[in-house]
Amino acid sequence: MSSALRGRSPAAKEGLRVAGPVDPAIPYFLTCLGREIKKRIVFILPRSQALPRLEDRCRFYFSQFSLARGLETLPELSESPYDGVSPSLEAVSSRMSFFHSLLRDSTSLVLTHLFGLLKPFPAPDDLRDSFLDLEVGQRLSR
């Protein structure tokens, strides 16, 4: 990474926008950026490209660099948020799994499509109240 980018990125309060890396270099670039700056990175992939493919490539580089912080994918609820069709149970549960992962560990890289960002996010305090920690042998009343 260039020294100008390295010098600017940790102090950037308004965010950092980067354009131009070719597709094969994006996973490596995102991993290096995640290693250099200690802030969460949100990468919005064009809708025409597949998230699972980028996620697999980024996971490869994360493992090669032995990064402690994680990689998460923010799933979209439906193919088009304008259809008015209720999202599937799988889509809702994978999205809630994403929010739960944000609460329990420090995710450094979030991959998503624009449609993943169009639905409102719960507030952090509301999100904490949405999950229940269970243990083996624990008894809870309804």
Protein backbone atom coordinates (compact mmCIF):
# COMPACT_ATOMS: atom_id res chain seq x y z
CA MET A 1 0.00 0.00 0.00
CA SER A 2 1.22 3.47 -0.69
CA SER A 3 2.53 5.56 2.19
CA ALA A 4 -0.03 8.28 1.35
CA LEU A 5 -2.88 5.84 1.85
CA ARG A 6 -1.31 4.43 5.00
CA GLY A 7 -0.74 7.91 6.41
CA ARG A 8 -4.28 9.02 5.69
CA SER A 9 -6.35 5.98 6.58
CA PRO A 10 -6.06 5.72 10.40
CA ALA A 11 -7.07 9.35 10.97
CA ALA A 12 -9.83 9.48 8.36
CA LYS A 13 -13.00 10.33 10.24
CA GLU A 14 -15.18 10.89 7.19
CA GLY A 15 -14.28 7.56 5.62
CA LEU A 16 -12.06 6.49 2.81
CA ARG A 17 -13.20 5.80 -0.73
CA VAL A 18 -10.96 3.85 -3.06
CA ALA A 19 -11.63 3.22 -6.75
CA GLY A 20 -9.69 1.41 -9.39
CA PRO A 21 -8.37 -1.95 -8.17
CA VAL A 22 -8.99 -4.67 -10.76
CA ASP A 23 -11.34 -7.47 -9.65
CA PRO A 24 -8.66 -10.12 -8.94
CA ALA A 25 -6.77 -7.69 -6.68
CA ILE A 26 -9.75 -6.62 -4.56
CA PRO A 27 -9.64 -9.47 -1.99
CA TYR A 28 -5.91 -8.97 -1.43
CA PHE A 29 -6.33 -5.19 -1.23
CA LEU A 30 -9.19 -5.44 1.28
CA THR A 31 -7.20 -7.84 3.45
CA CYS A 32 -4.14 -5.57 3.42
CA LEU A 33 -6.29 -2.54 4.18
CA GLY A 34 -7.93 -4.39 7.06
CA ARG A 35 -4.51 -5.25 8.43
CA GLU A 36 -3.23 -1.67 8.17
CA ILE A 37 -6.17 0.24 9.60
CA LYS A 38 -7.89 -0.82 12.77
CA LYS A 39 -11.40 0.22 11.76
CA ARG A 40 -14.29 -1.70 10.26
CA ILE A 41 -14.32 -1.74 6.45
CA VAL A 42 -17.60 -2.04 4.54
CA PHE A 43 -17.14 -3.11 0.93
CA ILE A 44 -20.21 -2.74 -1.30
CA LEU A 45 -19.97 -5.13 -4.20
CA PRO A 46 -21.82 -4.38 -7.46
CA ARG A 47 -25.07 -6.36 -7.67
CA SER A 48 -23.86 -8.14 -10.80
CA GLN A 49 -21.07 -9.88 -8.85
CA ALA A 50 -21.43 -12.80 -6.45
CA LEU A 51 -20.77 -12.21 -2.75
CA PRO A 52 -19.83 -15.83 -1.94
CA ARG A 53 -16.99 -15.78 -4.47
CA LEU A 54 -15.48 -12.59 -3.01
CA GLU A 55 -16.00 -13.91 0.51
CA ASP A 56 -14.09 -17.12 -0.29
CA ARG A 57 -11.18 -15.17 -1.75
CA CYS A 58 -11.03 -12.78 1.19
CA ARG A 59 -11.15 -15.69 3.67
CA PHE A 60 -8.15 -17.21 1.89
CA TYR A 61 -6.10 -14.03 2.39
CA PHE A 62 -7.35 -13.61 5.96
CA SER A 63 -6.03 -17.10 6.72
CA GLN A 64 -2.71 -16.39 4.99
CA PHE A 65 -2.19 -13.21 7.03
CA SER A 66 -3.46 -14.85 10.25
CA LEU A 67 -5.79 -11.96 10.92
CA ALA A 68 -7.50 -12.20 14.29
CA ARG A 69 -10.46 -10.00 13.38
CA GLY A 70 -13.18 -11.48 11.27
CA LEU A 71 -14.85 -11.25 7.97
CA GLU A 72 -18.66 -11.14 7.72
CA THR A 73 -21.16 -10.88 4.91
CA LEU A 74 -24.26 -8.73 5.31
CA PRO A 75 -26.93 -10.59 3.34
CA GLU A 76 -29.78 -8.94 1.55
CA LEU A 77 -33.32 -9.81 2.56
CA SER A 78 -34.66 -10.28 -0.97
CA GLU A 79 -33.65 -10.02 -4.60
CA SER A 80 -35.35 -6.64 -4.84
CA PRO A 81 -36.46 -4.55 -1.88
CA TYR A 82 -39.16 -3.01 -4.05
CA ASP A 83 -41.13 -6.21 -4.76
CA GLY A 84 -43.12 -6.12 -1.54
CA VAL A 85 -42.56 -9.86 -1.06
CA SER A 86 -41.83 -11.00 2.49
CA PRO A 87 -38.26 -12.25 2.90
CA SER A 88 -37.59 -15.94 3.41
CA LEU A 89 -36.84 -17.37 6.84
CA GLU A 90 -33.33 -18.23 5.64
CA ALA A 91 -32.67 -14.62 4.58
CA VAL A 92 -33.93 -13.21 7.89
CA SER A 93 -31.96 -15.73 9.99
CA SER A 94 -28.70 -15.16 8.08
CA ARG A 95 -29.12 -11.42 8.51
CA MET A 96 -29.73 -11.80 12.26
CA SER A 97 -26.67 -14.06 12.44
CA PHE A 98 -24.69 -11.21 10.88
CA PHE A 99 -25.96 -8.73 13.49
CA HIS A 100 -25.15 -11.17 16.29
CA SER A 101 -21.59 -11.53 14.98
CA LEU A 102 -21.19 -7.75 15.08
CA LEU A 103 -22.08 -7.76 18.77
CA ARG A 104 -19.77 -10.55 19.88
CA ASP A 105 -16.56 -9.89 17.98
CA SER A 106 -14.74 -7.13 16.22
CA THR A 107 -15.44 -7.75 12.56
CA SER A 108 -12.91 -5.92 10.44
CA LEU A 109 -14.39 -6.46 6.97
CA VAL A 110 -18.06 -6.49 5.97
CA LEU A 111 -18.98 -7.53 2.44
CA THR A 112 -22.40 -6.68 1.05
CA HIS A 113 -24.48 -5.61 -1.94
CA LEU A 114 -26.40 -2.34 -1.96
CA PHE A 115 -29.63 -4.24 -1.26
CA GLY A 116 -28.06 -5.46 1.98
CA LEU A 117 -27.83 -1.87 3.16
CA LEU A 118 -31.28 -0.68 2.09
CA LYS A 119 -33.19 -2.18 5.03
CA PRO A 120 -32.93 -0.36 8.37
CA PHE A 121 -30.46 -1.58 10.96
CA PRO A 122 -31.47 -2.04 14.59
CA ALA A 123 -29.84 0.26 17.14
CA PRO A 124 -27.00 -1.43 19.10
CA ASP A 125 -28.98 -1.40 22.37
CA ASP A 126 -32.07 -2.83 20.65
CA LEU A 127 -29.87 -5.45 19.02
CA ARG A 128 -28.47 -6.62 22.37
CA ASP A 129 -32.03 -7.17 23.61
CA SER A 130 -32.85 -9.29 20.53
CA PHE A 131 -30.59 -12.20 21.46
CA LEU A 132 -30.73 -14.74 24.24
CA ASP A 133 -27.66 -16.64 25.43
CA LEU A 134 -28.43 -20.26 26.29
CA GLU A 135 -26.35 -22.78 28.16
CA VAL A 136 -26.65 -26.54 28.47
CA GLY A 137 -28.88 -27.45 31.39
CA GLN A 138 -30.16 -23.90 31.85
CA ARG A 139 -33.87 -23.53 32.63
CA LEU A 140 -35.89 -20.62 31.32
CA SER A 141 -39.55 -19.83 31.60
CA ARG A 142 -41.51 -18.79 28.56
